[in-house]
Amino acid sequence: MRQLRAGILVLLAACSVNDPVAILRGDGGPFDDMEAADGGLADAASQDGGPELGCDAGDSVLVWNETAAPFGMCVCGDLTSSGPLVLDGSGAVGGTTALEDRARVEEGLWLNGDLSGTARADIQARELYVAGALQSDAAVRVERIVGAGGDVRAALLEANLGLSLPAGARLDVATLQASVRRAPFFGFEPCDCTAREPSDPWAGRGVDPKDLVGNQTLPCGALRTSSLTADAPTTWAVSEPTQLWIDGDINLDAGLVVEVAPGAGLDLIVTGTLVSAGRVTLGSVQGPVNLRVSGRGTLQLSGDAEVYGDLDAPAARLVSSAALDVQGRLRVRSLSTVGEVRVRGSSSILEAGEPCGQDGDCRAPSVCSPDGACGP
């Protein structure tokens, strides 16, 4: 177990969200002296004065701390998964993990509590570390090392570089295909649940929330509005870099589609939480949408959801009743799922010079060159 990655080996510690995750308001509230444009989104785009994102520039405000970035999926508390869990990168859980269906992890899975799995919950990963007990009625197949801090039970356990567990921990594996080493388990802190705060987040143009319902085109720049309730199907078209700040909750009775043109992008920041009864599609491979939810409530997704960017909700409980596909990184306080969850685990859109696998990985007009990097 002394081979655990550098920088991860620290004292066993639970996630904390004591630090603020976003600047929510000034002394008098975010809308002090900021009236929404009377003419809707078109007038909001043409108002004079006030800072805005440059339409051909502007960095994403959703910047993760370096300690969070190595993990594609960060669950700071408990994870309960009733459907398949697929991670194209790595994953970390700060509390207990309960699996009722299979889990496939391309890289490492770092669990800061107990792991339990039903007979259907086969686990496949490159490496697996469980700070507590590993109790599975299914098969656990790991390319490299399995490390546990407590008892280990499984129908089958396969680890090419061996199994490590403390002296005195019980080992009950029907079919064991791994060497066994008795050694203390070194703790780790899997996720950082703080978020870097953007400067002056409310320096945007006011928009009436009614102007965001239905089929709408969002202007470029920084926009801000109050709580949004949409009882009709809603589609936002984004053709330039845009930030939309919502001071409150989003309630979507008929879902939300955000269509982003190649080379554009949307940062959607919600200070409350988000509830959707319908399908949610945020962005595309060539046009990302990053979603931050800073409220401490429940982020409820009742329909299928696709997020082509990062989903960052470090203080919220995410409950997904259908399929969830996050093309970027996922960070939540706790996660409860029914349908399949897939997390790609890295930014969907790659810049020039970054390694790639196919043309769709790169920001237009770049393509994936024969040498495996985004370029002309």
Protein backbone atom coordinates (compact mmCIF):
# COMPACT_ATOMS: atom_id res chain seq x y z
CA MET A 1 0.00 0.00 0.00
CA ARG A 2 3.01 2.30 0.23
CA GLN A 3 2.75 2.52 -3.53
CA LEU A 4 -0.29 4.77 -3.35
CA ARG A 5 0.03 7.85 -5.46
CA ALA A 6 2.06 10.78 -4.24
CA GLY A 7 -0.11 13.57 -2.99
CA ILE A 8 -2.97 11.26 -2.08
CA LEU A 9 -1.44 9.74 1.02
CA VAL A 10 -2.64 11.98 3.82
CA LEU A 11 -4.46 11.24 7.06
CA LEU A 12 -7.92 9.76 6.58
CA ALA A 13 -10.29 12.70 6.49
CA ALA A 14 -13.91 13.27 5.51
CA CYS A 15 -14.94 15.84 2.95
CA SER A 16 -15.90 19.24 4.24
CA VAL A 17 -17.96 21.97 2.65
CA ASN A 18 -17.43 24.50 5.39
CA ASP A 19 -15.72 26.86 3.01
CA PRO A 20 -18.00 28.93 0.77
CA VAL A 21 -18.50 27.49 -2.68
CA ALA A 22 -19.60 30.70 -4.37
CA ILE A 23 -20.13 34.37 -3.70
CA LEU A 24 -23.89 34.65 -3.58
CA ARG A 25 -24.63 38.28 -2.85
CA GLY A 26 -23.34 41.62 -1.69
CA ASP A 27 -24.56 43.58 1.30
CA GLY A 28 -27.81 44.52 -0.39
CA GLY A 29 -28.33 41.52 -2.63
CA PRO A 30 -27.14 40.68 -6.13
CA PHE A 31 -29.68 42.86 -7.92
CA ASP A 32 -28.91 46.18 -6.22
CA ASP A 33 -29.36 48.93 -8.79
CA MET A 34 -29.52 46.38 -11.58
CA GLU A 35 -32.88 46.38 -13.34
CA ALA A 36 -33.68 43.82 -16.03
CA ALA A 37 -33.93 45.09 -19.55
CA ASP A 38 -37.50 45.93 -20.52
CA GLY A 39 -37.00 44.60 -24.02
CA GLY A 40 -35.99 41.09 -23.00
CA LEU A 41 -32.84 39.31 -24.08
CA ALA A 42 -32.26 41.46 -27.15
CA ASP A 43 -32.14 44.64 -25.08
CA ALA A 44 -30.05 42.93 -22.43
CA ALA A 45 -27.46 42.25 -25.09
CA SER A 46 -27.38 45.88 -26.22
CA GLN A 47 -27.41 47.71 -22.87
CA ASP A 48 -24.58 50.15 -22.43
CA GLY A 49 -22.21 50.07 -19.50
CA GLY A 50 -21.24 47.38 -17.06
CA PRO A 51 -18.63 44.66 -17.47
CA GLU A 52 -19.28 41.72 -19.75
CA LEU A 53 -17.50 38.74 -21.20
CA GLY A 54 -15.73 39.42 -24.43
CA CYS A 55 -17.54 37.48 -27.14
CA ASP A 56 -14.29 36.02 -28.39
CA ALA A 57 -12.67 35.59 -24.97
CA GLY A 58 -13.59 35.08 -21.33
CA ASP A 59 -12.43 32.20 -19.18
CA SER A 60 -14.80 29.73 -17.56
CA VAL A 61 -15.64 30.65 -13.98
CA LEU A 62 -15.93 26.97 -13.13
CA VAL A 63 -12.32 26.35 -12.15
CA TRP A 64 -11.68 23.36 -9.92
CA ASN A 65 -9.09 23.26 -7.20
CA GLU A 66 -6.01 21.30 -8.22
CA THR A 67 -6.72 18.65 -5.58
CA ALA A 68 -10.11 17.93 -7.15
CA ALA A 69 -8.97 17.90 -10.76
CA PRO A 70 -7.31 14.43 -10.83
CA PHE A 71 -10.67 12.74 -10.21
CA GLY A 72 -13.28 12.59 -12.95
CA MET A 73 -16.02 11.88 -10.40
CA CYS A 74 -15.95 13.28 -6.87
CA VAL A 75 -18.70 12.30 -4.43
CA CYS A 76 -17.89 13.94 -1.12
CA GLY A 77 -20.41 11.94 0.92
CA ASP A 78 -22.27 8.69 0.17
CA LEU A 79 -22.85 7.03 -3.20
CA THR A 80 -25.85 4.74 -3.83
CA SER A 81 -26.11 3.37 -7.36
CA SER A 82 -28.99 1.14 -8.48
CA GLY A 83 -27.98 1.26 -12.14
CA PRO A 84 -24.70 0.71 -13.97
CA LEU A 85 -21.83 3.07 -13.11
CA VAL A 86 -19.33 3.80 -15.88
CA LEU A 87 -16.32 6.06 -15.31
CA ASP A 88 -14.06 6.75 -18.28
CA GLY A 89 -11.54 8.26 -15.87
CA SER A 90 -11.10 7.96 -12.09
CA GLY A 91 -13.56 8.26 -9.23
CA ALA A 92 -13.53 9.03 -5.52
CA VAL A 93 -16.16 8.74 -2.79
CA GLY A 94 -15.82 10.31 0.66
CA GLY A 95 -18.47 8.19 2.42
CA THR A 96 -19.96 4.74 1.93
CA THR A 97 -20.52 3.19 -1.50
CA ALA A 98 -23.45 0.86 -2.21
CA LEU A 99 -23.67 -0.75 -5.66
CA GLU A 100 -26.65 -2.71 -6.95
CA ASP A 101 -25.41 -3.00 -10.53
CA ARG A 102 -22.09 -3.28 -12.33
CA ALA A 103 -19.33 -0.67 -12.12
CA ARG A 104 -16.64 -0.14 -14.75
CA VAL A 105 -13.82 2.30 -13.98
CA GLU A 106 -11.10 2.89 -16.56
CA GLU A 107 -8.67 4.27 -13.97
CA GLY A 108 -8.64 4.19 -10.17
CA LEU A 109 -11.54 4.08 -7.71
CA TRP A 110 -10.79 5.61 -4.30
CA LEU A 111 -13.38 4.99 -1.56
CA ASN A 112 -13.09 6.60 1.87
CA GLY A 113 -15.65 4.30 3.55
CA ASP A 114 -17.20 0.85 3.21
CA LEU A 115 -18.03 -0.71 -0.17
CA SER A 116 -20.99 -3.07 -0.55
CA GLY A 117 -22.22 -4.76 -3.71
CA THR A 118 -25.05 -7.10 -4.67
CA ALA A 119 -24.69 -10.21 -6.81
CA ARG A 120 -25.22 -8.07 -9.94
CA ALA A 121 -22.58 -5.51 -8.98
CA ASP A 122 -19.47 -6.79 -10.72
CA ILE A 123 -16.62 -4.29 -10.38
CA GLN A 124 -13.93 -3.71 -12.99
CA ALA A 125 -11.23 -1.11 -12.42
CA ARG A 126 -7.57 -0.37 -12.99
CA GLU A 127 -7.00 -0.07 -9.24
CA LEU A 128 -9.28 -0.08 -6.21
CA TYR A 129 -8.72 1.35 -2.72
CA VAL A 130 -11.33 0.96 0.02
CA ALA A 131 -10.63 2.60 3.37
CA GLY A 132 -13.28 0.47 5.11
CA ALA A 133 -14.63 -3.01 4.48
CA LEU A 134 -15.12 -4.48 1.01
CA GLN A 135 -18.27 -6.63 1.02
CA SER A 136 -19.37 -7.89 -2.41
CA ASP A 137 -21.58 -10.76 -3.55
CA ALA A 138 -20.17 -10.40 -7.08
CA ALA A 139 -16.82 -10.41 -8.88
CA VAL A 140 -14.13 -7.78 -8.34
CA ARG A 141 -11.59 -7.63 -11.18
CA VAL A 142 -8.75 -5.13 -10.92
CA GLU A 143 -5.87 -4.69 -13.32
CA ARG A 144 -3.41 -3.62 -10.63
CA ILE A 145 -3.87 -3.41 -6.85
CA VAL A 146 -6.77 -3.85 -4.46
CA GLY A 147 -6.16 -2.17 -1.12
CA ALA A 148 -8.57 -2.41 1.81
CA GLY A 149 -8.64 -1.02 5.35
CA GLY A 150 -11.06 -3.64 6.69
CA ASP A 151 -12.55 -7.07 6.03
CA VAL A 152 -12.73 -8.32 2.45
CA ARG A 153 -15.50 -10.57 1.13
CA ALA A 154 -16.29 -11.31 -2.53
CA ALA A 155 -17.48 -14.07 -4.80
CA LEU A 156 -14.36 -13.57 -6.91
CA LEU A 157 -11.41 -11.24 -6.46
CA GLU A 158 -8.79 -10.82 -9.15
CA ALA A 159 -5.90 -8.38 -8.80
CA ASN A 160 -2.82 -8.74 -10.99
CA LEU A 161 -0.54 -6.93 -8.53
CA GLY A 162 -2.12 -8.32 -5.40
CA LEU A 163 -4.49 -7.63 -2.51
CA SER A 164 -3.40 -5.66 0.56
CA LEU A 165 -5.35 -5.65 3.82
CA PRO A 166 -4.43 -5.08 7.47
CA ALA A 167 -3.34 -7.81 9.85
CA GLY A 168 -6.42 -9.15 11.62
CA ALA A 169 -8.83 -8.21 8.81
CA ARG A 170 -11.01 -11.12 7.68
CA LEU A 171 -10.56 -12.49 4.17
CA ASP A 172 -13.54 -14.40 2.75
CA VAL A 173 -13.26 -14.79 -1.02
CA ALA A 174 -14.72 -17.81 -2.78
CA THR A 175 -12.31 -17.53 -5.72
CA LEU A 176 -9.12 -15.59 -5.05
CA GLN A 177 -6.83 -14.80 -7.96
CA ALA A 178 -4.36 -12.48 -6.26
CA SER A 179 -1.38 -12.59 -3.96
CA VAL A 180 -2.16 -11.37 -0.43
CA ARG A 181 -0.14 -8.91 1.57
CA ARG A 182 -0.89 -7.94 5.16
CA ALA A 183 -0.06 -4.27 5.69
CA PRO A 184 -1.61 -1.17 7.30
CA PHE A 185 -3.92 0.86 5.11
CA PHE A 186 -2.76 4.41 4.49
CA GLY A 187 -5.63 6.88 4.42
CA PHE A 188 -6.32 9.49 1.77
CA GLU A 189 -8.57 12.47 1.16
CA PRO A 190 -10.36 11.63 -2.08
CA CYS A 191 -12.13 14.91 -2.86
CA ASP A 192 -11.84 18.60 -2.16
CA CYS A 193 -15.35 20.00 -1.89
CA THR A 194 -14.41 23.64 -1.95
CA ALA A 195 -14.71 25.69 -5.14
CA ARG A 196 -12.62 28.60 -6.29
CA GLU A 197 -14.71 31.75 -6.13
CA PRO A 198 -15.01 33.90 -9.24
CA SER A 199 -14.44 37.62 -8.78
CA ASP A 200 -17.45 39.95 -8.88
CA PRO A 201 -19.90 37.27 -10.08
CA TRP A 202 -22.91 39.58 -10.28
CA ALA A 203 -21.38 42.08 -12.68
CA GLY A 204 -23.73 41.12 -15.50
CA ARG A 205 -26.79 42.46 -17.28
CA GLY A 206 -30.21 41.81 -15.78
CA VAL A 207 -32.66 39.51 -17.57
CA ASP A 208 -36.30 38.90 -16.70
CA PRO A 209 -36.67 35.15 -15.98
CA LYS A 210 -39.84 35.09 -18.13
CA ASP A 211 -37.61 35.86 -21.11
CA LEU A 212 -35.76 32.58 -20.57
CA VAL A 213 -38.82 30.32 -21.02
CA GLY A 214 -39.54 28.74 -24.39
CA ASN A 215 -37.24 28.99 -27.41
CA GLN A 216 -34.71 31.72 -26.72
CA THR A 217 -31.36 32.90 -28.04
CA LEU A 218 -28.93 33.96 -25.33
CA PRO A 219 -26.67 36.90 -26.13
CA CYS A 220 -22.98 36.72 -25.42
CA GLY A 221 -21.56 38.12 -22.22
CA ALA A 222 -22.52 37.87 -18.57
CA LEU A 223 -26.25 37.72 -17.75
CA ARG A 224 -28.02 37.40 -14.41
CA THR A 225 -31.57 36.73 -13.33
CA SER A 226 -33.65 35.48 -10.40
CA SER A 227 -35.26 32.06 -9.81
CA LEU A 228 -36.53 30.42 -12.98
CA THR A 229 -39.67 28.31 -13.35
CA ALA A 230 -40.38 26.93 -16.83
CA ASP A 231 -43.67 25.08 -17.33
CA ALA A 232 -43.13 24.75 -21.09
CA PRO A 233 -40.40 23.05 -23.12
CA THR A 234 -37.40 25.38 -23.11
CA THR A 235 -34.51 25.63 -25.54
CA TRP A 236 -31.63 28.08 -25.33
CA ALA A 237 -29.48 28.76 -28.37
CA VAL A 238 -25.92 29.94 -27.62
CA SER A 239 -23.64 31.14 -30.40
CA GLU A 240 -21.02 33.07 -28.40
CA PRO A 241 -19.29 32.69 -25.00
CA THR A 242 -21.97 33.31 -22.37
CA GLN A 243 -22.36 33.20 -18.60
CA LEU A 244 -25.82 33.01 -17.02
CA TRP A 245 -26.14 33.53 -13.26
CA ILE A 246 -29.41 32.47 -11.63
CA ASP A 247 -29.90 33.74 -8.08
CA GLY A 248 -32.23 31.04 -6.79
CA ASP A 249 -33.65 27.75 -8.06
CA ILE A 250 -34.41 26.33 -11.50
CA ASN A 251 -37.64 24.33 -11.81
CA LEU A 252 -38.18 22.70 -15.20
CA ASP A 253 -41.53 21.02 -15.76
CA ALA A 254 -40.73 20.05 -19.37
CA GLY A 255 -36.95 19.83 -19.42
CA LEU A 256 -34.25 22.03 -20.94
CA VAL A 257 -32.15 21.88 -24.10
CA VAL A 258 -29.13 24.14 -24.56
CA GLU A 259 -27.87 24.23 -28.15
CA VAL A 260 -24.33 25.56 -28.34
CA ALA A 261 -22.62 26.45 -31.59
CA PRO A 262 -19.10 25.09 -32.22
CA GLY A 263 -16.53 27.27 -30.52
CA ALA A 264 -19.08 28.85 -28.17
CA GLY A 265 -19.92 27.83 -24.61
CA LEU A 266 -22.17 28.50 -21.65
CA ASP A 267 -21.37 28.66 -17.93
CA LEU A 268 -24.64 28.19 -16.04
CA ILE A 269 -24.35 29.12 -12.35
CA VAL A 270 -27.27 28.44 -9.99
CA THR A 271 -27.11 29.67 -6.40
CA GLY A 272 -30.03 27.47 -5.34
CA THR A 273 -30.71 24.07 -6.82
CA LEU A 274 -32.19 22.49 -9.96
CA VAL A 275 -35.23 20.25 -10.36
CA SER A 276 -36.23 18.85 -13.75
CA ALA A 277 -39.17 16.59 -14.57
CA GLY A 278 -38.14 16.22 -18.23
CA ARG A 279 -35.10 15.55 -20.33
CA VAL A 280 -32.09 17.84 -19.91
CA THR A 281 -29.47 18.24 -22.65
CA LEU A 282 -26.77 20.81 -21.97
CA GLY A 283 -24.50 21.49 -24.92
CA SER A 284 -22.77 19.20 -27.38
CA VAL A 285 -19.34 17.71 -27.98
CA GLN A 286 -18.20 20.84 -29.81
CA GLY A 287 -20.17 23.32 -27.68
CA PRO A 288 -19.80 22.75 -23.92
CA VAL A 289 -22.05 23.80 -21.05
CA ASN A 290 -20.56 23.90 -17.55
CA LEU A 291 -23.08 23.74 -14.72
CA ARG A 292 -22.42 24.88 -11.16
CA VAL A 293 -25.09 24.45 -8.48
CA SER A 294 -23.98 26.04 -5.20
CA GLY A 295 -27.14 25.44 -3.15
CA ARG A 296 -27.24 22.84 -0.38
CA GLY A 297 -30.52 21.22 -1.38
CA THR A 298 -31.32 18.36 -3.76
CA LEU A 299 -30.50 18.46 -7.46
CA GLN A 300 -33.32 16.29 -8.83
CA LEU A 301 -33.18 14.90 -12.37
CA SER A 302 -36.26 12.81 -13.18
CA GLY A 303 -35.60 12.50 -16.92
CA ASP A 304 -32.53 11.53 -18.92
CA ALA A 305 -29.75 14.12 -18.63
CA GLU A 306 -26.69 14.86 -20.75
CA VAL A 307 -24.13 17.45 -19.67
CA TYR A 308 -21.41 18.20 -22.19
CA GLY A 309 -19.09 19.84 -19.69
CA ASP A 310 -18.51 19.84 -15.93
CA LEU A 311 -21.30 19.42 -13.38
CA ASP A 312 -20.09 20.98 -10.14
CA ALA A 313 -22.44 20.87 -7.13
CA PRO A 314 -20.17 20.27 -4.12
CA ALA A 315 -22.83 21.14 -1.51
CA ALA A 316 -25.83 19.43 -3.15
CA ARG A 317 -27.30 15.94 -3.15
CA LEU A 318 -27.76 14.71 -6.71
CA VAL A 319 -30.68 12.34 -7.26
CA SER A 320 -31.00 10.90 -10.77
CA SER A 321 -34.03 8.77 -11.62
CA ALA A 322 -33.00 8.10 -15.22
CA ALA A 323 -29.83 7.95 -17.30
CA LEU A 324 -27.14 10.54 -16.55
CA ASP A 325 -24.24 11.21 -18.93
CA VAL A 326 -21.63 13.78 -17.88
CA GLN A 327 -19.04 14.34 -20.58
CA GLY A 328 -16.85 16.39 -18.24
CA ARG A 329 -16.25 16.01 -14.51
CA LEU A 330 -18.82 15.45 -11.80
CA ARG A 331 -18.55 16.72 -8.23
CA VAL A 332 -21.45 16.47 -5.76
CA ARG A 333 -21.99 16.17 -2.03
CA SER A 334 -23.81 12.83 -2.38
CA LEU A 335 -25.12 10.80 -5.29
CA SER A 336 -28.18 8.53 -5.57
CA THR A 337 -28.98 6.98 -8.96
CA VAL A 338 -31.48 4.62 -10.54
CA GLY A 339 -30.48 4.62 -14.21
CA GLU A 340 -27.06 4.28 -15.79
CA VAL A 341 -24.51 6.94 -14.86
CA ARG A 342 -21.56 7.65 -17.13
CA VAL A 343 -18.86 10.19 -16.36
CA ARG A 344 -16.17 10.88 -18.88
CA GLY A 345 -14.08 12.60 -16.24
CA SER A 346 -12.32 15.34 -18.17
CA SER A 347 -13.18 18.47 -20.08
CA SER A 348 -15.04 17.43 -23.22
CA ILE A 349 -13.50 20.12 -25.40
CA LEU A 350 -9.74 20.03 -25.91
CA GLU A 351 -7.62 22.98 -26.94
CA ALA A 352 -4.89 23.08 -29.59
CA GLY A 353 -1.93 20.93 -28.65
CA GLU A 354 -3.82 18.73 -26.18
CA PRO A 355 -3.88 14.94 -26.72
CA CYS A 356 -7.02 13.66 -28.46
CA GLY A 357 -8.60 10.52 -29.81
CA GLN A 358 -10.93 11.83 -32.53
CA ASP A 359 -11.88 15.07 -34.27
CA GLY A 360 -14.92 15.61 -32.05
CA ASP A 361 -12.64 15.88 -29.00
CA CYS A 362 -11.13 19.15 -30.22
CA ARG A 363 -12.48 22.68 -30.14
CA ALA A 364 -13.51 23.71 -33.66
CA PRO A 365 -11.94 24.40 -36.07
CA SER A 366 -9.15 22.20 -34.66
CA VAL A 367 -9.12 18.50 -35.58
CA CYS A 368 -7.33 15.52 -34.10
CA SER A 369 -4.11 15.22 -36.07
CA PRO A 370 -2.31 11.90 -36.88
CA ASP A 371 0.13 12.51 -34.03
CA GLY A 372 -2.75 12.41 -31.51
CA ALA A 373 -3.01 16.11 -30.66
CA CYS A 374 -5.55 18.82 -31.48
CA GLY A 375 -4.36 21.11 -34.24
CA PRO A 376 -5.14 22.71 -37.63
